Amino acid sequence: MFTEEKLKEISLNQELKEKALKWLQNKNKNCRGCDIKKDYQEHLAVPGHGSCNAGIFIVGEAPGNDEMLAGKPFVGRAGKKLDEAIEETGLNRDELYIHNILSCRPLDNKFPHHKTKEIQICRNWLTAELGIIRPKVVIAVGKVPYEYLLGLKNTRITNERGVQIPWYIKELDLKTILIPTLHPSYCMRKVNMGDNHPYECMVQDLALAKKINKESI
């Protein structure tokens, strides 16, 4: 794909960033590198979407049916809840970048934890995007991306959300801040039960990312 040196070179040139990211998204759409999407072969993969100059990079788990049909991440009910939180924070989705650990919808929307090699193939697309954009803050939306990005196990996202974690991505020579937050689907379930606190926590975490990004400019 791209070497570390090439990604650094691309990240310093606006025209190269735009072209490289567009090329990467198109290649990602047509990826046939694994069998995660074997039950949805007629559909393209869902690449990342957003600004190549994003200071904040949001990482989710995997596309669902709505995302698979639209070809964009976080556009279903959970995506609308995320958009609500983004707007409440005063951020603009068009100025962010959003992708998932997986680019293809897994069977029954269940993350295939047992498919280690396949997940790594998929994650390579995400890593390349991070190398081009080089965001100041990465927000891990939910337990799965939080654990997969940092190589953790048995975390409790409700307890660990909202912390600032210095994250060095060795293969990119990139230092950034990772903030785990709650998944909007979880927040929606809690809101329906009369508990708005998880949603408020997600808004707080987005606000923290906004603050860190602003201070680093």
N, C-alpha and C. Protein backbone atom coordinates (compact mmCIF):
# COMPACT_ATOMS: atom_id res chain seq x y z
N MET A 1 0.84 -1.19 0.00
CA MET A 1 0.00 0.00 0.00
C MET A 1 0.89 1.25 0.00
N PHE A 2 1.20 1.79 1.19
CA PHE A 2 2.11 2.93 1.31
C PHE A 2 3.13 2.63 2.40
N THR A 3 4.37 3.05 2.20
CA THR A 3 5.37 2.92 3.25
C THR A 3 5.20 4.05 4.25
N GLU A 4 5.83 3.92 5.41
CA GLU A 4 5.77 4.98 6.42
C GLU A 4 6.30 6.29 5.85
N GLU A 5 7.41 6.22 5.12
CA GLU A 5 8.02 7.42 4.54
C GLU A 5 7.08 8.08 3.52
N LYS A 6 6.43 7.24 2.70
CA LYS A 6 5.52 7.78 1.69
C LYS A 6 4.31 8.43 2.35
N LEU A 7 3.78 7.82 3.40
CA LEU A 7 2.63 8.40 4.10
C LEU A 7 2.99 9.75 4.70
N LYS A 8 4.18 9.86 5.26
CA LYS A 8 4.62 11.15 5.81
C LYS A 8 4.72 12.21 4.72
N GLU A 9 5.28 11.79 3.58
CA GLU A 9 5.40 12.72 2.45
C GLU A 9 4.03 13.19 1.98
N ILE A 10 3.09 12.26 1.87
CA ILE A 10 1.74 12.59 1.44
C ILE A 10 1.07 13.54 2.43
N SER A 11 1.25 13.29 3.72
CA SER A 11 0.57 14.08 4.75
C SER A 11 0.99 15.55 4.75
N LEU A 12 2.12 15.86 4.14
CA LEU A 12 2.63 17.23 4.15
C LEU A 12 2.20 18.03 2.93
N ASN A 13 1.49 17.39 2.01
CA ASN A 13 1.09 18.05 0.76
C ASN A 13 -0.42 17.92 0.58
N GLN A 14 -1.12 19.04 0.57
CA GLN A 14 -2.58 19.03 0.51
C GLN A 14 -3.10 18.30 -0.72
N GLU A 15 -2.52 18.56 -1.86
CA GLU A 15 -2.99 17.92 -3.10
C GLU A 15 -2.76 16.41 -3.05
N LEU A 16 -1.59 16.02 -2.54
CA LEU A 16 -1.30 14.60 -2.43
C LEU A 16 -2.23 13.91 -1.44
N LYS A 17 -2.53 14.59 -0.33
CA LYS A 17 -3.43 14.01 0.68
C LYS A 17 -4.80 13.72 0.08
N GLU A 18 -5.35 14.69 -0.65
CA GLU A 18 -6.67 14.52 -1.24
C GLU A 18 -6.67 13.38 -2.26
N LYS A 19 -5.66 13.33 -3.11
CA LYS A 19 -5.59 12.30 -4.14
C LYS A 19 -5.37 10.92 -3.52
N ALA A 20 -4.46 10.85 -2.55
CA ALA A 20 -4.14 9.56 -1.93
C ALA A 20 -5.32 9.00 -1.15
N LEU A 21 -6.03 9.88 -0.46
CA LEU A 21 -7.17 9.41 0.33
C LEU A 21 -8.30 8.94 -0.59
N LYS A 22 -8.53 9.64 -1.67
CA LYS A 22 -9.56 9.24 -2.63
C LYS A 22 -9.19 7.89 -3.26
N TRP A 23 -7.91 7.74 -3.62
CA TRP A 23 -7.44 6.47 -4.19
C TRP A 23 -7.62 5.33 -3.19
N LEU A 24 -7.28 5.61 -1.93
CA LEU A 24 -7.38 4.59 -0.89
C LEU A 24 -8.83 4.18 -0.66
N GLN A 25 -9.73 5.15 -0.64
CA GLN A 25 -11.16 4.86 -0.45
C GLN A 25 -11.69 3.99 -1.59
N ASN A 26 -11.31 4.30 -2.81
CA ASN A 26 -11.78 3.52 -3.95
C ASN A 26 -11.23 2.10 -3.93
N LYS A 27 -9.97 1.95 -3.54
CA LYS A 27 -9.38 0.61 -3.42
C LYS A 27 -10.07 -0.18 -2.31
N ASN A 28 -10.34 0.50 -1.20
CA ASN A 28 -11.00 -0.14 -0.06
C ASN A 28 -12.39 -0.64 -0.45
N LYS A 29 -13.13 0.14 -1.21
CA LYS A 29 -14.48 -0.24 -1.63
C LYS A 29 -14.50 -1.60 -2.32
N ASN A 30 -13.48 -1.85 -3.10
CA ASN A 30 -13.45 -3.07 -3.91
C ASN A 30 -12.57 -4.17 -3.32
N CYS A 31 -12.24 -4.04 -2.04
CA CYS A 31 -11.37 -5.02 -1.40
C CYS A 31 -12.02 -6.40 -1.37
N ARG A 32 -11.24 -7.40 -1.73
CA ARG A 32 -11.67 -8.80 -1.65
C ARG A 32 -10.59 -9.60 -0.90
N GLY A 33 -9.98 -8.94 0.08
CA GLY A 33 -8.84 -9.54 0.75
C GLY A 33 -9.17 -10.61 1.77
N CYS A 34 -10.45 -10.73 2.16
CA CYS A 34 -10.83 -11.74 3.15
C CYS A 34 -12.28 -12.17 2.91
N ASP A 35 -12.78 -13.05 3.78
CA ASP A 35 -14.13 -13.58 3.56
C ASP A 35 -15.15 -13.06 4.58
N ILE A 36 -14.84 -11.96 5.26
CA ILE A 36 -15.78 -11.41 6.24
C ILE A 36 -17.12 -11.07 5.58
N LYS A 37 -17.07 -10.57 4.35
CA LYS A 37 -18.29 -10.16 3.67
C LYS A 37 -18.87 -11.24 2.76
N LYS A 38 -18.53 -12.49 3.00
CA LYS A 38 -18.97 -13.55 2.10
C LYS A 38 -20.48 -13.63 1.97
N ASP A 39 -21.21 -13.19 2.98
CA ASP A 39 -22.68 -13.23 2.92
C ASP A 39 -23.26 -12.00 2.24
N TYR A 40 -22.40 -11.03 1.90
CA TYR A 40 -22.88 -9.79 1.26
C TYR A 40 -21.99 -9.44 0.07
N GLN A 41 -21.67 -10.45 -0.71
CA GLN A 41 -20.72 -10.28 -1.81
C GLN A 41 -21.17 -9.26 -2.84
N GLU A 42 -22.49 -9.06 -2.95
CA GLU A 42 -22.98 -8.13 -3.98
C GLU A 42 -22.77 -6.67 -3.60
N HIS A 43 -22.34 -6.42 -2.37
CA HIS A 43 -22.15 -5.05 -1.90
C HIS A 43 -20.67 -4.70 -1.79
N LEU A 44 -20.38 -3.42 -2.00
CA LEU A 44 -19.01 -2.94 -1.84
C LEU A 44 -18.70 -2.77 -0.36
N ALA A 45 -17.42 -2.69 -0.05
CA ALA A 45 -16.99 -2.38 1.30
C ALA A 45 -17.31 -0.92 1.59
N VAL A 46 -17.27 -0.54 2.85
CA VAL A 46 -17.58 0.84 3.27
C VAL A 46 -16.29 1.50 3.75
N PRO A 47 -15.70 2.37 2.92
CA PRO A 47 -14.44 3.02 3.32
C PRO A 47 -14.70 4.16 4.29
N GLY A 48 -13.62 4.76 4.77
CA GLY A 48 -13.76 5.92 5.63
C GLY A 48 -14.32 7.10 4.86
N HIS A 49 -14.79 8.09 5.61
CA HIS A 49 -15.41 9.25 4.97
C HIS A 49 -15.15 10.49 5.81
N GLY A 50 -14.82 11.59 5.13
CA GLY A 50 -14.62 12.84 5.85
C GLY A 50 -13.49 13.67 5.27
N SER A 51 -12.98 14.57 6.09
CA SER A 51 -11.97 15.51 5.65
C SER A 51 -10.56 14.93 5.76
N CYS A 52 -9.74 15.16 4.75
CA CYS A 52 -8.36 14.70 4.80
C CYS A 52 -7.54 15.54 5.78
N ASN A 53 -8.12 16.65 6.24
CA ASN A 53 -7.44 17.53 7.21
C ASN A 53 -8.04 17.40 8.60
N ALA A 54 -8.78 16.33 8.84
CA ALA A 54 -9.47 16.17 10.12
C ALA A 54 -8.48 16.08 11.28
N GLY A 55 -8.75 16.87 12.32
CA GLY A 55 -7.95 16.78 13.53
C GLY A 55 -8.50 15.71 14.45
N ILE A 56 -9.76 15.31 14.20
CA ILE A 56 -10.43 14.30 15.00
C ILE A 56 -10.85 13.15 14.10
N PHE A 57 -10.45 11.95 14.45
CA PHE A 57 -10.72 10.75 13.65
C PHE A 57 -11.55 9.81 14.52
N ILE A 58 -12.78 9.50 14.09
CA ILE A 58 -13.69 8.64 14.85
C ILE A 58 -13.64 7.22 14.29
N VAL A 59 -13.44 6.25 15.17
CA VAL A 59 -13.35 4.85 14.74
C VAL A 59 -14.44 4.03 15.41
N GLY A 60 -15.28 3.40 14.60
CA GLY A 60 -16.32 2.53 15.11
C GLY A 60 -15.95 1.07 14.94
N GLU A 61 -16.96 0.21 15.03
CA GLU A 61 -16.74 -1.24 15.01
C GLU A 61 -16.81 -1.80 13.59
N ALA A 62 -17.97 -1.68 12.96
CA ALA A 62 -18.19 -2.23 11.62
C ALA A 62 -19.46 -1.62 11.04
N PRO A 63 -19.57 -1.57 9.71
CA PRO A 63 -20.81 -1.07 9.11
C PRO A 63 -21.96 -2.05 9.32
N GLY A 64 -23.16 -1.50 9.46
CA GLY A 64 -24.36 -2.32 9.52
C GLY A 64 -25.06 -2.29 8.17
N ASN A 65 -26.31 -2.68 8.13
CA ASN A 65 -27.04 -2.74 6.86
C ASN A 65 -27.19 -1.37 6.22
N ASP A 66 -27.56 -0.35 7.02
CA ASP A 66 -27.74 1.00 6.47
C ASP A 66 -26.44 1.52 5.87
N GLU A 67 -25.34 1.28 6.57
CA GLU A 67 -24.04 1.75 6.09
C GLU A 67 -23.63 1.00 4.82
N MET A 68 -23.90 -0.29 4.80
CA MET A 68 -23.55 -1.11 3.64
C MET A 68 -24.30 -0.62 2.39
N LEU A 69 -25.57 -0.28 2.56
CA LEU A 69 -26.37 0.18 1.43
C LEU A 69 -25.99 1.59 0.99
N ALA A 70 -25.64 2.45 1.96
CA ALA A 70 -25.30 3.84 1.64
C ALA A 70 -23.84 4.00 1.24
N GLY A 71 -22.98 3.06 1.65
CA GLY A 71 -21.56 3.17 1.34
C GLY A 71 -20.84 4.18 2.20
N LYS A 72 -21.42 4.55 3.35
CA LYS A 72 -20.81 5.51 4.27
C LYS A 72 -20.95 5.01 5.71
N PRO A 73 -19.97 5.29 6.55
CA PRO A 73 -20.05 4.84 7.95
C PRO A 73 -20.99 5.70 8.78
N PHE A 74 -21.64 5.07 9.76
CA PHE A 74 -22.49 5.74 10.74
C PHE A 74 -23.58 6.61 10.08
N VAL A 75 -24.46 5.98 9.32
CA VAL A 75 -25.57 6.71 8.72
C VAL A 75 -26.93 6.17 9.16
N GLY A 76 -26.93 5.08 9.93
CA GLY A 76 -28.19 4.50 10.41
C GLY A 76 -28.67 5.20 11.67
N ARG A 77 -29.47 4.50 12.47
CA ARG A 77 -30.01 5.09 13.69
C ARG A 77 -28.90 5.49 14.66
N ALA A 78 -27.91 4.64 14.82
CA ALA A 78 -26.78 4.96 15.69
C ALA A 78 -26.01 6.15 15.14
N GLY A 79 -25.87 6.20 13.82
CA GLY A 79 -25.18 7.32 13.19
C GLY A 79 -25.89 8.64 13.41
N LYS A 80 -27.20 8.60 13.37
CA LYS A 80 -27.97 9.83 13.62
C LYS A 80 -27.80 10.29 15.06
N LYS A 81 -27.70 9.34 15.98
CA LYS A 81 -27.46 9.71 17.39
C LYS A 81 -26.07 10.29 17.55
N LEU A 82 -25.10 9.72 16.84
CA LEU A 82 -23.75 10.27 16.86
C LEU A 82 -23.74 11.68 16.28
N ASP A 83 -24.46 11.87 15.17
CA ASP A 83 -24.55 13.21 14.57
C ASP A 83 -25.14 14.22 15.54
N GLU A 84 -26.15 13.77 16.29
CA GLU A 84 -26.78 14.64 17.29
C GLU A 84 -25.75 15.10 18.33
N ALA A 85 -24.93 14.16 18.78
CA ALA A 85 -23.91 14.49 19.77
C ALA A 85 -22.83 15.39 19.17
N ILE A 86 -22.46 15.12 17.92
CA ILE A 86 -21.47 15.94 17.23
C ILE A 86 -21.95 17.39 17.14
N GLU A 87 -23.19 17.55 16.72
CA GLU A 87 -23.77 18.89 16.59
C GLU A 87 -23.88 19.59 17.94
N GLU A 88 -24.27 18.83 18.97
CA GLU A 88 -24.40 19.43 20.30
C GLU A 88 -23.05 19.91 20.82
N THR A 89 -21.99 19.27 20.38
CA THR A 89 -20.65 19.64 20.80
C THR A 89 -20.14 20.86 20.04
N GLY A 90 -20.82 21.21 18.95
CA GLY A 90 -20.37 22.33 18.14
C GLY A 90 -19.37 21.93 17.08
N LEU A 91 -19.26 20.62 16.86
CA LEU A 91 -18.39 20.13 15.81
C LEU A 91 -19.17 20.00 14.50
N ASN A 92 -18.45 19.89 13.41
CA ASN A 92 -19.06 19.70 12.09
C ASN A 92 -18.60 18.36 11.55
N ARG A 93 -19.54 17.48 11.27
CA ARG A 93 -19.17 16.13 10.80
C ARG A 93 -18.30 16.19 9.56
N ASP A 94 -18.52 17.16 8.68
CA ASP A 94 -17.74 17.26 7.45
C ASP A 94 -16.27 17.57 7.72
N GLU A 95 -15.97 18.07 8.92
CA GLU A 95 -14.59 18.41 9.27
C GLU A 95 -13.90 17.26 10.02
N LEU A 96 -14.64 16.19 10.28
CA LEU A 96 -14.09 15.01 10.96
C LEU A 96 -13.80 13.93 9.92
N TYR A 97 -13.21 12.83 10.39
CA TYR A 97 -13.06 11.66 9.54
C TYR A 97 -13.59 10.47 10.32
N ILE A 98 -14.38 9.62 9.66
CA ILE A 98 -15.03 8.50 10.34
C ILE A 98 -14.81 7.21 9.56
N HIS A 99 -14.40 6.17 10.26
CA HIS A 99 -14.26 4.85 9.66
C HIS A 99 -14.51 3.81 10.75
N ASN A 100 -14.37 2.54 10.40
CA ASN A 100 -14.55 1.45 11.34
C ASN A 100 -13.35 0.52 11.32
N ILE A 101 -13.24 -0.34 12.33
CA ILE A 101 -12.21 -1.37 12.31
C ILE A 101 -12.40 -2.25 11.08
N LEU A 102 -13.66 -2.66 10.84
CA LEU A 102 -13.99 -3.43 9.64
C LEU A 102 -14.61 -2.53 8.59
N SER A 103 -14.27 -2.77 7.34
CA SER A 103 -14.87 -2.01 6.25
C SER A 103 -16.09 -2.71 5.67
N CYS A 104 -16.26 -3.99 6.00
CA CYS A 104 -17.39 -4.75 5.48
C CYS A 104 -18.33 -5.17 6.61
N ARG A 105 -19.59 -5.30 6.27
CA ARG A 105 -20.58 -5.74 7.26
C ARG A 105 -20.39 -7.22 7.57
N PRO A 106 -20.18 -7.56 8.84
CA PRO A 106 -20.07 -8.98 9.20
C PRO A 106 -21.44 -9.63 9.30
N LEU A 107 -21.48 -10.93 9.22
CA LEU A 107 -22.75 -11.67 9.28
C LEU A 107 -23.50 -11.36 10.57
N ASP A 108 -24.78 -11.02 10.42
CA ASP A 108 -25.65 -10.71 11.57
C ASP A 108 -25.13 -9.57 12.42
N ASN A 109 -24.28 -8.74 11.82
CA ASN A 109 -23.70 -7.59 12.53
C ASN A 109 -22.90 -8.00 13.76
N LYS A 110 -22.39 -9.23 13.76
CA LYS A 110 -21.60 -9.70 14.89
C LYS A 110 -20.11 -9.63 14.55
N PHE A 111 -19.37 -8.89 15.36
CA PHE A 111 -17.94 -8.72 15.09
C PHE A 111 -17.23 -10.08 15.18
N PRO A 112 -16.51 -10.48 14.13
CA PRO A 112 -15.89 -11.82 14.09
C PRO A 112 -14.54 -11.84 14.83
N HIS A 113 -14.58 -11.84 16.14
CA HIS A 113 -13.35 -11.79 16.93
C HIS A 113 -12.38 -12.91 16.59
N HIS A 114 -12.90 -14.04 16.16
CA HIS A 114 -12.06 -15.19 15.88
C HIS A 114 -11.28 -15.07 14.57
N LYS A 115 -11.63 -14.10 13.74
CA LYS A 115 -10.98 -13.96 12.43
C LYS A 115 -9.83 -12.95 12.51
N THR A 116 -8.78 -13.31 13.22
CA THR A 116 -7.67 -12.40 13.49
C THR A 116 -7.00 -11.91 12.21
N LYS A 117 -6.68 -12.82 11.29
CA LYS A 117 -5.99 -12.42 10.05
C LYS A 117 -6.87 -11.52 9.20
N GLU A 118 -8.15 -11.85 9.12
CA GLU A 118 -9.08 -11.07 8.32
C GLU A 118 -9.23 -9.65 8.89
N ILE A 119 -9.31 -9.56 10.20
CA ILE A 119 -9.45 -8.25 10.85
C ILE A 119 -8.21 -7.40 10.58
N GLN A 120 -7.03 -8.02 10.60
CA GLN A 120 -5.81 -7.27 10.33
C GLN A 120 -5.77 -6.75 8.90
N ILE A 121 -6.25 -7.56 7.95
CA ILE A 121 -6.31 -7.11 6.56
C ILE A 121 -7.19 -5.87 6.47
N CYS A 122 -8.33 -5.91 7.15
CA CYS A 122 -9.26 -4.78 7.14
C CYS A 122 -8.66 -3.56 7.84
N ARG A 123 -7.98 -3.83 8.94
CA ARG A 123 -7.42 -2.72 9.71
C ARG A 123 -6.32 -1.98 8.95
N ASN A 124 -5.68 -2.66 7.99
CA ASN A 124 -4.64 -2.00 7.20
C ASN A 124 -5.18 -0.77 6.47
N TRP A 125 -6.44 -0.83 6.03
CA TRP A 125 -7.04 0.33 5.36
C TRP A 125 -7.15 1.49 6.34
N LEU A 126 -7.60 1.20 7.55
CA LEU A 126 -7.73 2.21 8.59
C LEU A 126 -6.37 2.81 8.94
N THR A 127 -5.36 1.97 9.06
CA THR A 127 -4.02 2.44 9.40
C THR A 127 -3.48 3.38 8.34
N ALA A 128 -3.71 3.04 7.08
CA ALA A 128 -3.24 3.91 5.99
C ALA A 128 -3.92 5.27 6.05
N GLU A 129 -5.22 5.28 6.36
CA GLU A 129 -5.94 6.56 6.49
C GLU A 129 -5.37 7.39 7.63
N LEU A 130 -5.09 6.74 8.74
CA LEU A 130 -4.49 7.45 9.87
C LEU A 130 -3.15 8.04 9.48
N GLY A 131 -2.39 7.30 8.67
CA GLY A 131 -1.09 7.78 8.25
C GLY A 131 -1.15 8.97 7.32
N ILE A 132 -2.20 9.05 6.52
CA ILE A 132 -2.39 10.20 5.62
C ILE A 132 -2.92 11.41 6.38
N ILE A 133 -3.91 11.19 7.22
CA ILE A 133 -4.57 12.30 7.91
C ILE A 133 -3.79 12.78 9.13
N ARG A 134 -3.19 11.85 9.88
CA ARG A 134 -2.40 12.15 11.08
C ARG A 134 -3.20 13.03 12.05
N PRO A 135 -4.30 12.52 12.55
CA PRO A 135 -5.17 13.31 13.43
C PRO A 135 -4.54 13.57 14.80
N LYS A 136 -5.00 14.63 15.44
CA LYS A 136 -4.55 14.95 16.79
C LYS A 136 -5.25 14.07 17.83
N VAL A 137 -6.50 13.68 17.52
CA VAL A 137 -7.30 12.89 18.45
C VAL A 137 -8.00 11.76 17.70
N VAL A 138 -8.01 10.58 18.30
CA VAL A 138 -8.77 9.45 17.77
C VAL A 138 -9.81 9.08 18.82
N ILE A 139 -11.07 9.00 18.41
CA ILE A 139 -12.15 8.61 19.32
C ILE A 139 -12.57 7.19 18.99
N ALA A 140 -12.41 6.28 19.95
CA ALA A 140 -12.84 4.90 19.77
C ALA A 140 -14.27 4.78 20.27
N VAL A 141 -15.19 4.52 19.36
CA VAL A 141 -16.61 4.49 19.69
C VAL A 141 -17.04 3.08 20.10
N GLY A 142 -17.02 2.82 21.38
CA GLY A 142 -17.42 1.51 21.89
C GLY A 142 -16.25 0.64 22.31
N LYS A 143 -16.56 -0.45 22.97
CA LYS A 143 -15.57 -1.36 23.53
C LYS A 143 -14.71 -2.04 22.47
N VAL A 144 -15.32 -2.48 21.37
CA VAL A 144 -14.58 -3.25 20.36
C VAL A 144 -13.45 -2.43 19.73
N PRO A 145 -13.72 -1.25 19.16
CA PRO A 145 -12.60 -0.49 18.58
C PRO A 145 -11.57 -0.07 19.63
N TYR A 146 -12.03 0.24 20.83
CA TYR A 146 -11.11 0.60 21.91
C TYR A 146 -10.11 -0.52 22.16
N GLU A 147 -10.60 -1.74 22.27
CA GLU A 147 -9.72 -2.87 22.54
C GLU A 147 -8.85 -3.21 21.34
N TYR A 148 -9.41 -3.16 20.14
CA TYR A 148 -8.64 -3.54 18.96
C TYR A 148 -7.59 -2.52 18.60
N LEU A 149 -7.84 -1.26 18.83
CA LEU A 149 -6.84 -0.24 18.51
C LEU A 149 -5.65 -0.31 19.45
N LEU A 150 -5.90 -0.59 20.72
CA LEU A 150 -4.83 -0.58 21.71
C LEU A 150 -4.35 -1.98 22.11
N GLY A 151 -4.95 -3.01 21.55
CA GLY A 151 -4.54 -4.37 21.88
C GLY A 151 -4.90 -4.77 23.30
N LEU A 152 -6.09 -4.35 23.75
CA LEU A 152 -6.54 -4.62 25.12
C LEU A 152 -7.57 -5.75 25.14
N LYS A 153 -7.84 -6.25 26.33
CA LYS A 153 -8.88 -7.25 26.53
C LYS A 153 -9.62 -6.98 27.84
N ASN A 154 -10.86 -7.43 27.88
CA ASN A 154 -11.67 -7.37 29.11
C ASN A 154 -11.77 -5.98 29.71
N THR A 155 -11.95 -4.98 28.87
CA THR A 155 -12.13 -3.61 29.37
C THR A 155 -13.60 -3.36 29.72
N ARG A 156 -13.81 -2.32 30.48
CA ARG A 156 -15.17 -1.88 30.82
C ARG A 156 -15.32 -0.45 30.30
N ILE A 157 -15.90 -0.34 29.11
CA ILE A 157 -15.96 0.95 28.44
C ILE A 157 -16.73 1.99 29.26
N THR A 158 -17.71 1.54 30.05
CA THR A 158 -18.47 2.49 30.87
C THR A 158 -17.60 3.10 31.96
N ASN A 159 -16.57 2.40 32.37
CA ASN A 159 -15.66 2.94 33.39
C ASN A 159 -14.48 3.68 32.78
N GLU A 160 -14.06 3.28 31.59
CA GLU A 160 -12.83 3.81 31.01
C GLU A 160 -13.05 4.92 29.99
N ARG A 161 -14.27 5.17 29.64
CA ARG A 161 -14.56 6.21 28.66
C ARG A 161 -14.14 7.58 29.21
N GLY A 162 -13.81 8.46 28.27
CA GLY A 162 -13.51 9.83 28.65
C GLY A 162 -12.08 10.09 29.09
N VAL A 163 -11.23 9.05 29.12
CA VAL A 163 -9.84 9.27 29.52
C VAL A 163 -9.00 9.62 28.29
N GLN A 164 -7.94 10.36 28.52
CA GLN A 164 -7.01 10.70 27.45
C GLN A 164 -5.84 9.72 27.48
N ILE A 165 -5.68 8.97 26.41
CA ILE A 165 -4.63 7.96 26.36
C ILE A 165 -3.61 8.33 25.28
N PRO A 166 -2.39 8.66 25.66
CA PRO A 166 -1.35 8.90 24.65
C PRO A 166 -1.15 7.61 23.83
N TRP A 167 -1.23 7.73 22.53
CA TRP A 167 -1.14 6.55 21.65
C TRP A 167 -0.08 6.79 20.60
N TYR A 168 0.92 5.94 20.61
CA TYR A 168 1.97 6.01 19.60
C TYR A 168 1.78 4.85 18.63
N ILE A 169 1.51 5.18 17.37
CA ILE A 169 1.33 4.17 16.33
C ILE A 169 2.69 3.98 15.67
N LYS A 170 3.38 2.93 16.09
CA LYS A 170 4.78 2.73 15.71
C LYS A 170 4.98 2.66 14.20
N GLU A 171 4.09 1.91 13.51
CA GLU A 171 4.30 1.72 12.07
C GLU A 171 4.08 3.00 11.27
N LEU A 172 3.51 4.02 11.92
CA LEU A 172 3.29 5.31 11.26
C LEU A 172 4.16 6.41 11.85
N ASP A 173 4.87 6.10 12.93
CA ASP A 173 5.61 7.10 13.70
C ASP A 173 4.69 8.28 14.02
N LEU A 174 3.51 7.94 14.54
CA LEU A 174 2.47 8.94 14.80
C LEU A 174 2.09 8.95 16.28
N LYS A 175 2.18 10.11 16.89
CA LYS A 175 1.74 10.29 18.26
C LYS A 175 0.40 11.02 18.26
N THR A 176 -0.57 10.44 18.91
CA THR A 176 -1.89 11.05 18.97
C THR A 176 -2.50 10.76 20.34
N ILE A 177 -3.70 11.25 20.56
CA ILE A 177 -4.43 11.00 21.80
C ILE A 177 -5.67 10.17 21.47
N LEU A 178 -5.86 9.07 22.17
CA LEU A 178 -7.04 8.24 21.97
C LEU A 178 -8.01 8.44 23.14
N ILE A 179 -9.27 8.65 22.80
CA ILE A 179 -10.32 8.81 23.81
C ILE A 179 -11.40 7.75 23.56
N PRO A 180 -11.59 6.80 24.47
CA PRO A 180 -12.69 5.85 24.32
C PRO A 180 -14.01 6.49 24.73
N THR A 181 -15.06 6.19 24.02
CA THR A 181 -16.37 6.70 24.40
C THR A 181 -17.43 5.60 24.22
N LEU A 182 -18.63 5.90 24.64
CA LEU A 182 -19.72 4.93 24.56
C LEU A 182 -20.28 4.88 23.14
N HIS A 183 -20.81 3.72 22.77
CA HIS A 183 -21.40 3.58 21.44
C HIS A 183 -22.78 4.24 21.44
N PRO A 184 -23.12 4.96 20.38
CA PRO A 184 -24.44 5.62 20.33
C PRO A 184 -25.62 4.65 20.44
N SER A 185 -25.44 3.40 20.00
CA SER A 185 -26.52 2.42 20.15
C SER A 185 -26.81 2.16 21.63
N TYR A 186 -25.76 2.07 22.42
CA TYR A 186 -25.92 1.89 23.88
C TYR A 186 -26.61 3.12 24.48
N CYS A 187 -26.17 4.29 24.03
CA CYS A 187 -26.78 5.53 24.52
C CYS A 187 -28.26 5.60 24.17
N MET A 188 -28.62 5.14 22.97
CA MET A 188 -30.03 5.14 22.54
C MET A 188 -30.87 4.22 23.42
N ARG A 189 -30.33 3.04 23.72
CA ARG A 189 -31.07 2.10 24.57
C ARG A 189 -31.31 2.69 25.95
N LYS A 190 -30.30 3.35 26.48
CA LYS A 190 -30.43 3.96 27.80
C LYS A 190 -31.41 5.14 27.79
N VAL A 191 -31.37 5.94 26.73
CA VAL A 191 -32.31 7.06 26.61
C VAL A 191 -33.74 6.54 26.57
N ASN A 192 -33.96 5.45 25.85
CA ASN A 192 -35.30 4.85 25.77
C ASN A 192 -35.78 4.33 27.12
N MET A 193 -34.82 4.08 28.02
CA MET A 193 -35.15 3.62 29.36
C MET A 193 -35.24 4.78 30.35
N GLY A 194 -35.08 5.99 29.82
CA GLY A 194 -35.18 7.18 30.67
C GLY A 194 -33.86 7.63 31.27
N ASP A 195 -32.76 7.05 30.81
CA ASP A 195 -31.44 7.40 31.35
C ASP A 195 -30.65 8.13 30.27
N ASN A 196 -30.48 9.43 30.43
CA ASN A 196 -29.79 10.24 29.44
C ASN A 196 -28.29 10.39 29.75
N HIS A 197 -27.87 9.85 30.88
CA HIS A 197 -26.48 10.05 31.31
C HIS A 197 -25.45 9.51 30.30
N PRO A 198 -25.60 8.29 29.77
CA PRO A 198 -24.62 7.80 28.79
C PRO A 198 -24.47 8.72 27.58
N TYR A 199 -25.60 9.24 27.09
CA TYR A 199 -25.53 10.16 25.95
C TYR A 199 -24.76 11.43 26.34
N GLU A 200 -25.02 11.93 27.53
CA GLU A 200 -24.30 13.11 28.01
C GLU A 200 -22.80 12.83 28.11
N CYS A 201 -22.46 11.60 28.49
CA CYS A 201 -21.05 11.21 28.56
C CYS A 201 -20.42 11.24 27.17
N MET A 202 -21.14 10.74 26.16
CA MET A 202 -20.62 10.75 24.80
C MET A 202 -20.39 12.19 24.32
N VAL A 203 -21.31 13.07 24.64
CA VAL A 203 -21.15 14.48 24.28
C VAL A 203 -19.92 15.07 24.98
N GLN A 204 -19.73 14.74 26.24
CA GLN A 204 -18.56 15.22 26.98
C GLN A 204 -17.26 14.74 26.35
N ASP A 205 -17.25 13.50 25.91
CA ASP A 205 -16.04 12.94 25.30
C ASP A 205 -15.73 13.61 23.97
N LEU A 206 -16.76 13.90 23.19
CA LEU A 206 -16.56 14.63 21.93
C LEU A 206 -16.07 16.04 22.20
N ALA A 207 -16.61 16.66 23.25
CA ALA A 207 -16.18 18.01 23.63
C ALA A 207 -14.72 18.02 24.06
N LEU A 208 -14.31 16.96 24.75
CA LEU A 208 -12.91 16.84 25.16
C LEU A 208 -12.01 16.72 23.93
N ALA A 209 -12.42 15.92 22.97
CA ALA A 209 -11.64 15.78 21.73
C ALA A 209 -11.53 17.12 21.01
N LYS A 210 -12.62 17.85 20.98
CA LYS A 210 -12.63 19.16 20.35
C LYS A 210 -11.64 20.10 21.04
N LYS A 211 -11.62 20.07 22.36
CA LYS A 211 -10.73 20.92 23.14
C LYS A 211 -9.27 20.58 22.88
N ILE A 212 -8.95 19.29 22.90
CA ILE A 212 -7.56 18.85 22.66
C ILE A 212 -7.12 19.24 21.25
N ASN A 213 -7.98 19.03 20.27
CA ASN A 213 -7.64 19.37 18.89
C ASN A 213 -7.42 20.87 18.74
N LYS A 214 -8.26 21.66 19.36
CA LYS A 214 -8.13 23.12 19.26
C LYS A 214 -6.84 23.61 19.89
N GLU A 215 -6.48 23.00 21.02
CA GLU A 215 -5.28 23.43 21.74
C GLU A 215 -4.02 23.03 21.00
N SER A 216 -4.11 22.04 20.13
CA SER A 216 -2.91 21.56 19.42
C SER A 216 -2.67 22.29 18.10
N ILE A 217 -3.64 23.11 17.71
CA ILE A 217 -3.50 23.85 16.42
C ILE A 217 -2.54 25.02 16.57
